[in-house]
Amino acid sequence: MNWKDTSRILTLAAMLLASPCLFAQRGGGPGGPPGGGMGGPPPGMGGGVPRDRNGAMGDRESGALPRPSGPQLGLPGRWWDDRKTMKTLSLRSDQQHKMDDIFNGNKGTLQNLFSNLQREEARLTSMSPQDLQDEGKVFAAIDRVATARADLEKESAHILMQIRQQLDPSQLSKLDSEIAGMR
């Protein structure tokens, strides 16, 4: 395998492992992303953004983003702060405060996990040409990125499950209907 082939494989691996931004879309508090809302949609919470063979996101013809993969536990962003969602779900202020507390209590962990993912992705994409010839080093770097992503996905899902527990059964049903309507 020559350098060009190795470079293409590494680029493909990096694209496959590229994560959607966890924190950007809505809400950003002081300090901005990544401390803002859970924008995104984060992996496992709103699905990742799959890419086509060429690495492009979404459907080229329609411009639409693809449907999320995996279970979707909530709407994108800090949906419990969105006025329309608040009204649709009939959220009470005490529920919103509990959801905010859950998110704020876990924000540091999310930031650390997201930073770790970015760091591992940067290490993977900045490997030297010599290291790219070593299959063991390349796969080890890919494994570190995959592990970092899995840790972030698990924590994101854990937080959203805690947030969902603040909803009444009828509110959960409405939320799940909203999520289904996005697909």
N, C-alpha and C. Protein backbone atom coordinates (compact mmCIF):
# COMPACT_ATOMS: atom_id res chain seq x y z
N MET A 1 0.85 -1.17 0.00
CA MET A 1 0.00 0.00 0.00
C MET A 1 0.90 1.24 0.00
N ASN A 2 0.60 2.17 -0.90
CA ASN A 2 1.43 3.37 -0.97
C ASN A 2 0.86 4.49 -0.10
N TRP A 3 1.59 5.59 -0.04
CA TRP A 3 1.23 6.72 0.82
C TRP A 3 -0.15 7.27 0.46
N LYS A 4 -0.47 7.37 -0.85
CA LYS A 4 -1.75 7.92 -1.27
C LYS A 4 -2.91 7.05 -0.77
N ASP A 5 -2.76 5.73 -0.91
CA ASP A 5 -3.80 4.82 -0.44
C ASP A 5 -3.97 4.92 1.06
N THR A 6 -2.86 4.97 1.78
CA THR A 6 -2.92 5.09 3.24
C THR A 6 -3.60 6.39 3.64
N SER A 7 -3.25 7.46 2.95
CA SER A 7 -3.85 8.77 3.24
C SER A 7 -5.36 8.74 3.00
N ARG A 8 -5.78 8.11 1.91
CA ARG A 8 -7.21 8.01 1.63
C ARG A 8 -7.93 7.19 2.70
N ILE A 9 -7.33 6.11 3.13
CA ILE A 9 -7.95 5.28 4.16
C ILE A 9 -8.08 6.06 5.46
N LEU A 10 -7.01 6.79 5.81
CA LEU A 10 -7.05 7.59 7.04
C LEU A 10 -8.11 8.68 6.94
N THR A 11 -8.21 9.33 5.78
CA THR A 11 -9.22 10.37 5.59
C THR A 11 -10.62 9.77 5.71
N LEU A 12 -10.82 8.62 5.10
CA LEU A 12 -12.12 7.95 5.20
C LEU A 12 -12.43 7.59 6.65
N ALA A 13 -11.44 7.05 7.36
CA ALA A 13 -11.65 6.71 8.77
C ALA A 13 -11.99 7.94 9.58
N ALA A 14 -11.29 9.03 9.33
CA ALA A 14 -11.58 10.27 10.06
C ALA A 14 -12.98 10.77 9.76
N MET A 15 -13.41 10.66 8.48
CA MET A 15 -14.77 11.10 8.14
C MET A 15 -15.81 10.22 8.81
N LEU A 16 -15.55 8.93 8.84
CA LEU A 16 -16.50 8.03 9.47
C LEU A 16 -16.60 8.29 10.97
N LEU A 17 -15.51 8.73 11.54
CA LEU A 17 -15.48 8.95 12.97
C LEU A 17 -15.79 10.39 13.35
N ALA A 18 -15.96 11.26 12.36
CA ALA A 18 -16.21 12.67 12.66
C ALA A 18 -17.51 12.82 13.43
N SER A 19 -17.45 13.60 14.48
CA SER A 19 -18.64 13.74 15.33
C SER A 19 -19.34 15.04 15.06
N PRO A 20 -20.67 15.05 15.18
CA PRO A 20 -21.38 16.30 15.10
C PRO A 20 -21.08 17.11 16.35
N CYS A 21 -21.14 18.41 16.23
CA CYS A 21 -20.86 19.26 17.38
C CYS A 21 -21.95 19.07 18.42
N LEU A 22 -21.56 18.86 19.62
CA LEU A 22 -22.49 18.56 20.70
C LEU A 22 -23.16 19.80 21.26
N PHE A 23 -22.55 20.93 21.11
CA PHE A 23 -22.99 22.05 21.92
C PHE A 23 -23.42 23.30 21.18
N ALA A 24 -23.55 23.34 19.90
CA ALA A 24 -23.58 24.63 19.26
C ALA A 24 -24.94 25.24 18.97
N GLN A 25 -25.95 24.52 18.65
CA GLN A 25 -27.10 25.07 17.98
C GLN A 25 -27.89 26.11 18.75
N ARG A 26 -28.43 25.77 19.89
CA ARG A 26 -29.30 26.70 20.59
C ARG A 26 -28.70 27.14 21.90
N GLY A 27 -29.22 28.16 22.40
CA GLY A 27 -28.94 28.55 23.77
C GLY A 27 -27.60 29.01 24.11
N GLY A 28 -26.57 29.06 23.91
CA GLY A 28 -25.27 29.24 24.41
C GLY A 28 -25.24 30.20 25.55
N GLY A 29 -24.76 29.80 26.63
CA GLY A 29 -24.64 30.69 27.77
C GLY A 29 -23.35 31.45 27.69
N PRO A 30 -22.99 32.12 28.77
CA PRO A 30 -21.75 32.86 28.78
C PRO A 30 -20.59 31.92 28.46
N GLY A 31 -19.70 32.39 27.64
CA GLY A 31 -18.57 31.55 27.27
C GLY A 31 -18.83 30.80 25.98
N GLY A 32 -20.08 30.78 25.52
CA GLY A 32 -20.42 30.17 24.24
C GLY A 32 -20.10 28.69 24.21
N PRO A 33 -20.16 28.11 23.03
CA PRO A 33 -19.90 26.70 22.91
C PRO A 33 -18.49 26.38 23.38
N PRO A 34 -18.21 25.26 23.98
CA PRO A 34 -19.14 24.20 24.16
C PRO A 34 -19.99 24.32 25.40
N GLY A 35 -20.00 25.43 26.09
CA GLY A 35 -20.78 25.53 27.31
C GLY A 35 -22.23 25.83 27.08
N GLY A 36 -22.63 26.06 25.84
CA GLY A 36 -24.01 26.45 25.55
C GLY A 36 -24.94 25.27 25.62
N GLY A 37 -25.98 25.33 24.83
CA GLY A 37 -26.99 24.29 24.85
C GLY A 37 -26.46 23.00 24.27
N MET A 38 -27.27 21.98 24.40
CA MET A 38 -26.90 20.69 23.82
C MET A 38 -27.41 20.68 22.40
N GLY A 39 -26.83 21.51 21.59
CA GLY A 39 -27.31 21.81 20.29
C GLY A 39 -27.33 20.70 19.32
N GLY A 40 -26.60 20.40 18.72
CA GLY A 40 -26.41 19.43 17.91
C GLY A 40 -26.87 18.54 16.93
N PRO A 41 -27.56 17.70 16.86
CA PRO A 41 -27.93 16.74 17.89
C PRO A 41 -26.76 15.84 18.25
N PRO A 42 -26.50 15.65 19.49
CA PRO A 42 -25.42 14.80 19.90
C PRO A 42 -25.67 13.35 19.58
N PRO A 43 -24.64 12.59 19.47
CA PRO A 43 -24.80 11.18 19.18
C PRO A 43 -25.66 10.49 20.22
N GLY A 44 -26.58 9.67 19.78
CA GLY A 44 -27.43 8.94 20.69
C GLY A 44 -28.58 9.75 21.22
N MET A 45 -28.52 11.08 21.05
CA MET A 45 -29.57 11.92 21.58
C MET A 45 -30.41 12.47 20.44
N GLY A 46 -29.83 12.71 19.35
CA GLY A 46 -30.56 13.19 18.21
C GLY A 46 -30.00 12.56 16.96
N GLY A 47 -29.09 11.69 17.12
CA GLY A 47 -28.49 10.99 16.01
C GLY A 47 -27.32 11.76 15.44
N GLY A 48 -26.40 11.04 14.86
CA GLY A 48 -25.27 11.67 14.22
C GLY A 48 -25.67 12.15 12.84
N VAL A 49 -24.76 12.78 12.17
CA VAL A 49 -25.01 13.24 10.83
C VAL A 49 -24.23 12.36 9.88
N PRO A 50 -24.90 11.35 9.30
CA PRO A 50 -24.20 10.46 8.39
C PRO A 50 -23.72 11.23 7.16
N ARG A 51 -22.70 10.72 6.54
CA ARG A 51 -22.14 11.36 5.36
C ARG A 51 -22.21 10.40 4.19
N ASP A 52 -22.24 10.99 2.98
CA ASP A 52 -22.25 10.13 1.80
C ASP A 52 -20.84 9.62 1.51
N ARG A 53 -20.67 8.93 0.37
CA ARG A 53 -19.37 8.35 0.04
C ARG A 53 -18.27 9.40 -0.03
N ASN A 54 -18.64 10.60 -0.38
CA ASN A 54 -17.64 11.67 -0.54
C ASN A 54 -17.46 12.50 0.70
N GLY A 55 -18.11 12.13 1.78
CA GLY A 55 -17.94 12.87 3.03
C GLY A 55 -18.90 14.02 3.21
N ALA A 56 -19.82 14.22 2.26
CA ALA A 56 -20.77 15.33 2.37
C ALA A 56 -21.90 14.95 3.31
N MET A 57 -22.38 15.94 4.05
CA MET A 57 -23.48 15.67 4.98
C MET A 57 -24.81 15.82 4.25
N GLY A 58 -25.75 14.98 4.59
CA GLY A 58 -27.11 15.13 4.12
C GLY A 58 -27.30 14.73 2.67
N ASP A 59 -28.45 15.10 2.16
CA ASP A 59 -28.86 14.78 0.81
C ASP A 59 -28.49 15.94 -0.10
N ARG A 60 -27.62 15.70 -1.07
CA ARG A 60 -27.16 16.78 -1.94
C ARG A 60 -28.31 17.43 -2.72
N GLU A 61 -29.24 16.62 -3.20
CA GLU A 61 -30.30 17.16 -4.05
C GLU A 61 -31.27 18.03 -3.27
N SER A 62 -31.73 17.57 -2.14
CA SER A 62 -32.72 18.34 -1.39
C SER A 62 -32.08 19.28 -0.39
N GLY A 63 -30.82 19.02 -0.05
CA GLY A 63 -30.15 19.85 0.96
C GLY A 63 -30.53 19.47 2.38
N ALA A 64 -31.40 18.46 2.51
CA ALA A 64 -31.87 18.08 3.84
C ALA A 64 -30.83 17.23 4.55
N LEU A 65 -30.79 17.38 5.86
CA LEU A 65 -29.92 16.52 6.65
C LEU A 65 -30.57 15.15 6.75
N PRO A 66 -29.77 14.11 6.85
CA PRO A 66 -30.31 12.77 6.92
C PRO A 66 -31.02 12.51 8.24
N ARG A 67 -31.82 11.46 8.24
CA ARG A 67 -32.49 11.08 9.49
C ARG A 67 -31.47 10.59 10.49
N PRO A 68 -31.74 10.84 11.76
CA PRO A 68 -30.82 10.37 12.79
C PRO A 68 -30.77 8.85 12.82
N SER A 69 -29.62 8.35 13.24
CA SER A 69 -29.48 6.91 13.41
C SER A 69 -29.52 6.61 14.90
N GLY A 70 -29.98 5.45 15.25
CA GLY A 70 -30.03 5.06 16.65
C GLY A 70 -31.22 5.70 17.36
N PRO A 71 -31.36 5.37 18.64
CA PRO A 71 -32.50 5.91 19.38
C PRO A 71 -32.36 7.41 19.58
N GLN A 72 -33.46 8.10 19.44
CA GLN A 72 -33.47 9.54 19.65
C GLN A 72 -34.26 9.79 20.92
N LEU A 73 -33.58 10.32 21.92
CA LEU A 73 -34.19 10.48 23.24
C LEU A 73 -34.76 11.87 23.47
N GLY A 74 -34.46 12.79 22.61
CA GLY A 74 -34.96 14.15 22.78
C GLY A 74 -34.83 14.93 21.49
N LEU A 75 -35.36 16.12 21.51
CA LEU A 75 -35.24 17.01 20.38
C LEU A 75 -33.86 17.65 20.41
N PRO A 76 -33.42 18.24 19.29
CA PRO A 76 -32.12 18.90 19.30
C PRO A 76 -32.11 20.10 20.25
N GLY A 77 -30.97 20.38 20.78
CA GLY A 77 -30.81 21.56 21.64
C GLY A 77 -31.40 21.38 23.02
N ARG A 78 -31.46 22.47 23.73
CA ARG A 78 -32.09 22.47 25.05
C ARG A 78 -33.58 22.66 24.81
N TRP A 79 -34.20 21.61 24.33
CA TRP A 79 -35.59 21.67 23.88
C TRP A 79 -36.53 22.09 24.99
N TRP A 80 -36.22 21.87 26.21
CA TRP A 80 -37.09 22.22 27.33
C TRP A 80 -37.14 23.74 27.56
N ASP A 81 -36.25 24.50 26.89
CA ASP A 81 -36.25 25.96 26.96
C ASP A 81 -36.97 26.60 25.77
N ASP A 82 -37.31 25.80 24.78
CA ASP A 82 -37.96 26.31 23.57
C ASP A 82 -39.44 26.57 23.86
N ARG A 83 -39.90 27.79 23.58
CA ARG A 83 -41.28 28.17 23.92
C ARG A 83 -42.33 27.27 23.27
N LYS A 84 -42.13 26.95 22.00
CA LYS A 84 -43.10 26.10 21.31
C LYS A 84 -43.16 24.72 21.96
N THR A 85 -42.00 24.15 22.26
CA THR A 85 -41.95 22.84 22.90
C THR A 85 -42.55 22.90 24.30
N MET A 86 -42.24 23.98 25.02
CA MET A 86 -42.81 24.14 26.37
C MET A 86 -44.33 24.10 26.31
N LYS A 87 -44.88 24.80 25.33
CA LYS A 87 -46.33 24.85 25.19
C LYS A 87 -46.89 23.51 24.74
N THR A 88 -46.24 22.90 23.75
CA THR A 88 -46.71 21.61 23.23
C THR A 88 -46.73 20.54 24.32
N LEU A 89 -45.68 20.53 25.15
CA LEU A 89 -45.58 19.50 26.19
C LEU A 89 -46.24 19.93 27.50
N SER A 90 -46.70 21.17 27.56
CA SER A 90 -47.25 21.72 28.81
C SER A 90 -46.25 21.57 29.97
N LEU A 91 -45.02 21.97 29.69
CA LEU A 91 -43.98 21.87 30.72
C LEU A 91 -44.23 22.86 31.84
N ARG A 92 -44.02 22.39 33.04
CA ARG A 92 -44.13 23.26 34.21
C ARG A 92 -42.76 23.84 34.52
N SER A 93 -42.75 24.96 35.20
CA SER A 93 -41.47 25.61 35.51
C SER A 93 -40.61 24.74 36.42
N ASP A 94 -41.24 23.99 37.33
CA ASP A 94 -40.43 23.12 38.20
C ASP A 94 -39.75 22.02 37.39
N GLN A 95 -40.41 21.53 36.33
CA GLN A 95 -39.79 20.53 35.47
C GLN A 95 -38.59 21.13 34.73
N GLN A 96 -38.78 22.33 34.21
CA GLN A 96 -37.70 23.00 33.49
C GLN A 96 -36.50 23.24 34.40
N HIS A 97 -36.76 23.66 35.62
CA HIS A 97 -35.66 23.90 36.57
C HIS A 97 -34.90 22.62 36.86
N LYS A 98 -35.62 21.51 37.02
CA LYS A 98 -34.96 20.23 37.27
C LYS A 98 -34.12 19.82 36.05
N MET A 99 -34.66 20.04 34.85
CA MET A 99 -33.94 19.70 33.63
C MET A 99 -32.68 20.56 33.50
N ASP A 100 -32.82 21.85 33.81
CA ASP A 100 -31.65 22.74 33.78
C ASP A 100 -30.60 22.27 34.78
N ASP A 101 -31.04 21.88 35.97
CA ASP A 101 -30.11 21.42 36.99
C ASP A 101 -29.37 20.16 36.53
N ILE A 102 -30.09 19.25 35.90
CA ILE A 102 -29.47 18.03 35.39
C ILE A 102 -28.43 18.38 34.33
N PHE A 103 -28.82 19.23 33.40
CA PHE A 103 -27.88 19.61 32.34
C PHE A 103 -26.67 20.35 32.91
N ASN A 104 -26.93 21.35 33.74
CA ASN A 104 -25.83 22.15 34.29
C ASN A 104 -24.91 21.32 35.19
N GLY A 105 -25.48 20.37 35.90
CA GLY A 105 -24.67 19.51 36.74
C GLY A 105 -23.77 18.58 35.97
N ASN A 106 -24.09 18.33 34.72
CA ASN A 106 -23.31 17.41 33.89
C ASN A 106 -22.54 18.11 32.77
N LYS A 107 -22.69 19.42 32.68
CA LYS A 107 -22.06 20.17 31.57
C LYS A 107 -20.54 19.99 31.57
N GLY A 108 -19.91 20.04 32.73
CA GLY A 108 -18.46 19.89 32.81
C GLY A 108 -18.00 18.54 32.28
N THR A 109 -18.73 17.50 32.64
CA THR A 109 -18.39 16.16 32.17
C THR A 109 -18.52 16.09 30.65
N LEU A 110 -19.62 16.65 30.12
CA LEU A 110 -19.81 16.67 28.67
C LEU A 110 -18.68 17.43 27.98
N GLN A 111 -18.30 18.57 28.55
CA GLN A 111 -17.22 19.35 27.94
C GLN A 111 -15.92 18.56 27.94
N ASN A 112 -15.62 17.89 29.04
CA ASN A 112 -14.39 17.09 29.11
C ASN A 112 -14.40 15.95 28.10
N LEU A 113 -15.53 15.27 28.00
CA LEU A 113 -15.63 14.16 27.06
C LEU A 113 -15.55 14.65 25.62
N PHE A 114 -16.18 15.79 25.34
CA PHE A 114 -16.12 16.36 23.99
C PHE A 114 -14.70 16.79 23.66
N SER A 115 -14.02 17.42 24.62
CA SER A 115 -12.62 17.83 24.41
C SER A 115 -11.74 16.62 24.16
N ASN A 116 -11.97 15.55 24.91
CA ASN A 116 -11.20 14.33 24.71
C ASN A 116 -11.43 13.77 23.31
N LEU A 117 -12.67 13.78 22.85
CA LEU A 117 -12.97 13.31 21.50
C LEU A 117 -12.24 14.16 20.46
N GLN A 118 -12.30 15.48 20.62
CA GLN A 118 -11.62 16.37 19.67
C GLN A 118 -10.11 16.11 19.69
N ARG A 119 -9.55 15.91 20.86
CA ARG A 119 -8.12 15.66 20.99
C ARG A 119 -7.72 14.36 20.28
N GLU A 120 -8.51 13.31 20.49
CA GLU A 120 -8.21 12.03 19.85
C GLU A 120 -8.38 12.12 18.33
N GLU A 121 -9.39 12.84 17.87
CA GLU A 121 -9.57 13.02 16.43
C GLU A 121 -8.39 13.80 15.84
N ALA A 122 -7.93 14.82 16.55
CA ALA A 122 -6.79 15.61 16.08
C ALA A 122 -5.53 14.74 16.02
N ARG A 123 -5.35 13.88 17.02
CA ARG A 123 -4.19 12.98 17.02
C ARG A 123 -4.25 12.03 15.83
N LEU A 124 -5.44 11.54 15.52
CA LEU A 124 -5.61 10.63 14.40
C LEU A 124 -5.29 11.33 13.08
N THR A 125 -5.82 12.51 12.90
CA THR A 125 -5.63 13.20 11.62
C THR A 125 -4.25 13.80 11.46
N SER A 126 -3.50 13.91 12.54
CA SER A 126 -2.16 14.51 12.43
C SER A 126 -1.05 13.47 12.52
N MET A 127 -1.38 12.22 12.31
CA MET A 127 -0.35 11.17 12.35
C MET A 127 0.65 11.39 11.23
N SER A 128 1.89 11.10 11.51
CA SER A 128 2.96 11.28 10.52
C SER A 128 2.84 10.24 9.41
N PRO A 129 3.41 10.54 8.26
CA PRO A 129 3.39 9.54 7.18
C PRO A 129 4.00 8.21 7.59
N GLN A 130 5.02 8.25 8.44
CA GLN A 130 5.63 7.00 8.90
C GLN A 130 4.65 6.20 9.77
N ASP A 131 3.96 6.91 10.67
CA ASP A 131 2.99 6.22 11.53
C ASP A 131 1.83 5.66 10.73
N LEU A 132 1.49 6.33 9.63
CA LEU A 132 0.39 5.86 8.80
C LEU A 132 0.72 4.54 8.10
N GLN A 133 1.97 4.22 8.02
CA GLN A 133 2.38 2.94 7.43
C GLN A 133 2.26 1.80 8.43
N ASP A 134 2.11 2.14 9.71
CA ASP A 134 2.03 1.15 10.78
C ASP A 134 0.56 0.89 11.11
N GLU A 135 0.06 -0.24 10.64
CA GLU A 135 -1.35 -0.57 10.83
C GLU A 135 -1.74 -0.58 12.31
N GLY A 136 -0.88 -1.06 13.15
CA GLY A 136 -1.16 -1.11 14.59
C GLY A 136 -1.37 0.28 15.17
N LYS A 137 -0.54 1.23 14.77
CA LYS A 137 -0.68 2.61 15.26
C LYS A 137 -1.96 3.26 14.74
N VAL A 138 -2.26 3.02 13.47
CA VAL A 138 -3.48 3.60 12.88
C VAL A 138 -4.72 3.03 13.58
N PHE A 139 -4.77 1.73 13.74
CA PHE A 139 -5.94 1.13 14.39
C PHE A 139 -6.04 1.51 15.86
N ALA A 140 -4.92 1.66 16.52
CA ALA A 140 -4.95 2.11 17.92
C ALA A 140 -5.52 3.51 18.02
N ALA A 141 -5.13 4.37 17.08
CA ALA A 141 -5.66 5.75 17.08
C ALA A 141 -7.15 5.74 16.79
N ILE A 142 -7.58 4.90 15.85
CA ILE A 142 -9.01 4.80 15.53
C ILE A 142 -9.77 4.27 16.75
N ASP A 143 -9.20 3.30 17.44
CA ASP A 143 -9.84 2.77 18.65
C ASP A 143 -9.99 3.84 19.72
N ARG A 144 -8.98 4.70 19.87
CA ARG A 144 -9.07 5.78 20.88
C ARG A 144 -10.18 6.76 20.52
N VAL A 145 -10.33 7.07 19.23
CA VAL A 145 -11.41 7.96 18.80
C VAL A 145 -12.76 7.29 19.03
N ALA A 146 -12.87 6.03 18.68
CA ALA A 146 -14.13 5.31 18.85
C ALA A 146 -14.51 5.23 20.33
N THR A 147 -13.54 4.99 21.19
CA THR A 147 -13.80 4.92 22.63
C THR A 147 -14.23 6.28 23.16
N ALA A 148 -13.55 7.33 22.72
CA ALA A 148 -13.91 8.69 23.17
C ALA A 148 -15.32 9.04 22.72
N ARG A 149 -15.68 8.66 21.48
CA ARG A 149 -17.02 8.93 20.98
C ARG A 149 -18.06 8.13 21.76
N ALA A 150 -17.77 6.88 22.04
CA ALA A 150 -18.71 6.04 22.78
C ALA A 150 -18.93 6.60 24.19
N ASP A 151 -17.86 7.05 24.84
CA ASP A 151 -18.00 7.64 26.16
C ASP A 151 -18.90 8.87 26.13
N LEU A 152 -18.72 9.70 25.11
CA LEU A 152 -19.55 10.91 24.96
C LEU A 152 -21.00 10.54 24.67
N GLU A 153 -21.21 9.57 23.81
CA GLU A 153 -22.57 9.13 23.48
C GLU A 153 -23.29 8.57 24.70
N LYS A 154 -22.59 7.77 25.48
CA LYS A 154 -23.19 7.19 26.67
C LYS A 154 -23.58 8.26 27.68
N GLU A 155 -22.68 9.21 27.91
CA GLU A 155 -22.98 10.28 28.87
C GLU A 155 -24.14 11.14 28.37
N SER A 156 -24.15 11.44 27.07
CA SER A 156 -25.24 12.23 26.49
C SER A 156 -26.58 11.51 26.66
N ALA A 157 -26.60 10.22 26.38
CA ALA A 157 -27.83 9.44 26.53
C ALA A 157 -28.24 9.39 28.00
N HIS A 158 -27.28 9.23 28.90
CA HIS A 158 -27.58 9.19 30.33
C HIS A 158 -28.24 10.49 30.78
N ILE A 159 -27.72 11.60 30.34
CA ILE A 159 -28.28 12.91 30.72
C ILE A 159 -29.69 13.07 30.17
N LEU A 160 -29.87 12.71 28.90
CA LEU A 160 -31.21 12.86 28.32
C LEU A 160 -32.21 11.91 28.96
N MET A 161 -31.77 10.75 29.38
CA MET A 161 -32.68 9.84 30.07
C MET A 161 -33.10 10.44 31.42
N GLN A 162 -32.16 11.07 32.11
CA GLN A 162 -32.50 11.75 33.36
C GLN A 162 -33.48 12.89 33.11
N ILE A 163 -33.28 13.62 32.02
CA ILE A 163 -34.18 14.72 31.68
C ILE A 163 -35.57 14.18 31.34
N ARG A 164 -35.62 13.10 30.57
CA ARG A 164 -36.92 12.49 30.22
C ARG A 164 -37.68 12.04 31.45
N GLN A 165 -36.97 11.62 32.49
CA GLN A 165 -37.63 11.16 33.72
C GLN A 165 -38.38 12.28 34.43
N GLN A 166 -38.14 13.51 34.05
CA GLN A 166 -38.84 14.63 34.67
C GLN A 166 -40.22 14.85 34.05
N LEU A 167 -40.51 14.15 32.96
CA LEU A 167 -41.77 14.32 32.25
C LEU A 167 -42.83 13.33 32.74
N ASP A 168 -44.06 13.77 32.68
CA ASP A 168 -45.20 12.91 32.96
C ASP A 168 -45.41 11.98 31.76
N PRO A 169 -46.13 10.86 31.94
CA PRO A 169 -46.36 9.94 30.81
C PRO A 169 -46.99 10.63 29.59
N SER A 170 -47.93 11.53 29.79
CA SER A 170 -48.56 12.19 28.64
C SER A 170 -47.55 13.13 27.96
N GLN A 171 -46.69 13.76 28.74
CA GLN A 171 -45.67 14.63 28.15
C GLN A 171 -44.65 13.80 27.36
N LEU A 172 -44.29 12.66 27.89
CA LEU A 172 -43.37 11.77 27.17
C LEU A 172 -43.95 11.34 25.84
N SER A 173 -45.24 11.02 25.85
CA SER A 173 -45.90 10.62 24.62
C SER A 173 -45.87 11.75 23.59
N LYS A 174 -46.12 12.98 24.03
CA LYS A 174 -46.08 14.14 23.13
C LYS A 174 -44.66 14.38 22.62
N LEU A 175 -43.67 14.23 23.50
CA LEU A 175 -42.28 14.42 23.08
C LEU A 175 -41.91 13.39 22.02
N ASP A 176 -42.26 12.14 22.27
CA ASP A 176 -41.94 11.10 21.30
C ASP A 176 -42.65 11.33 19.97
N SER A 177 -43.86 11.90 20.00
CA SER A 177 -44.56 12.25 18.76
C SER A 177 -43.82 13.36 18.03
N GLU A 178 -43.31 14.34 18.76
CA GLU A 178 -42.53 15.43 18.16
C GLU A 178 -41.27 14.88 17.50
N ILE A 179 -40.60 13.96 18.20
CA ILE A 179 -39.39 13.35 17.67
C ILE A 179 -39.72 12.58 16.40
N ALA A 180 -40.79 11.80 16.42
CA ALA A 180 -41.20 11.03 15.24
C ALA A 180 -41.53 11.95 14.08
N GLY A 181 -42.08 13.12 14.36
CA GLY A 181 -42.41 14.07 13.31
C GLY A 181 -41.19 14.66 12.64
N MET A 182 -40.05 14.60 13.30
CA MET A 182 -38.81 15.12 12.72
C MET A 182 -38.21 14.16 11.70
N ARG A 183 -38.60 12.91 11.77
CA ARG A 183 -37.98 11.89 10.90
C ARG A 183 -38.54 11.90 9.54
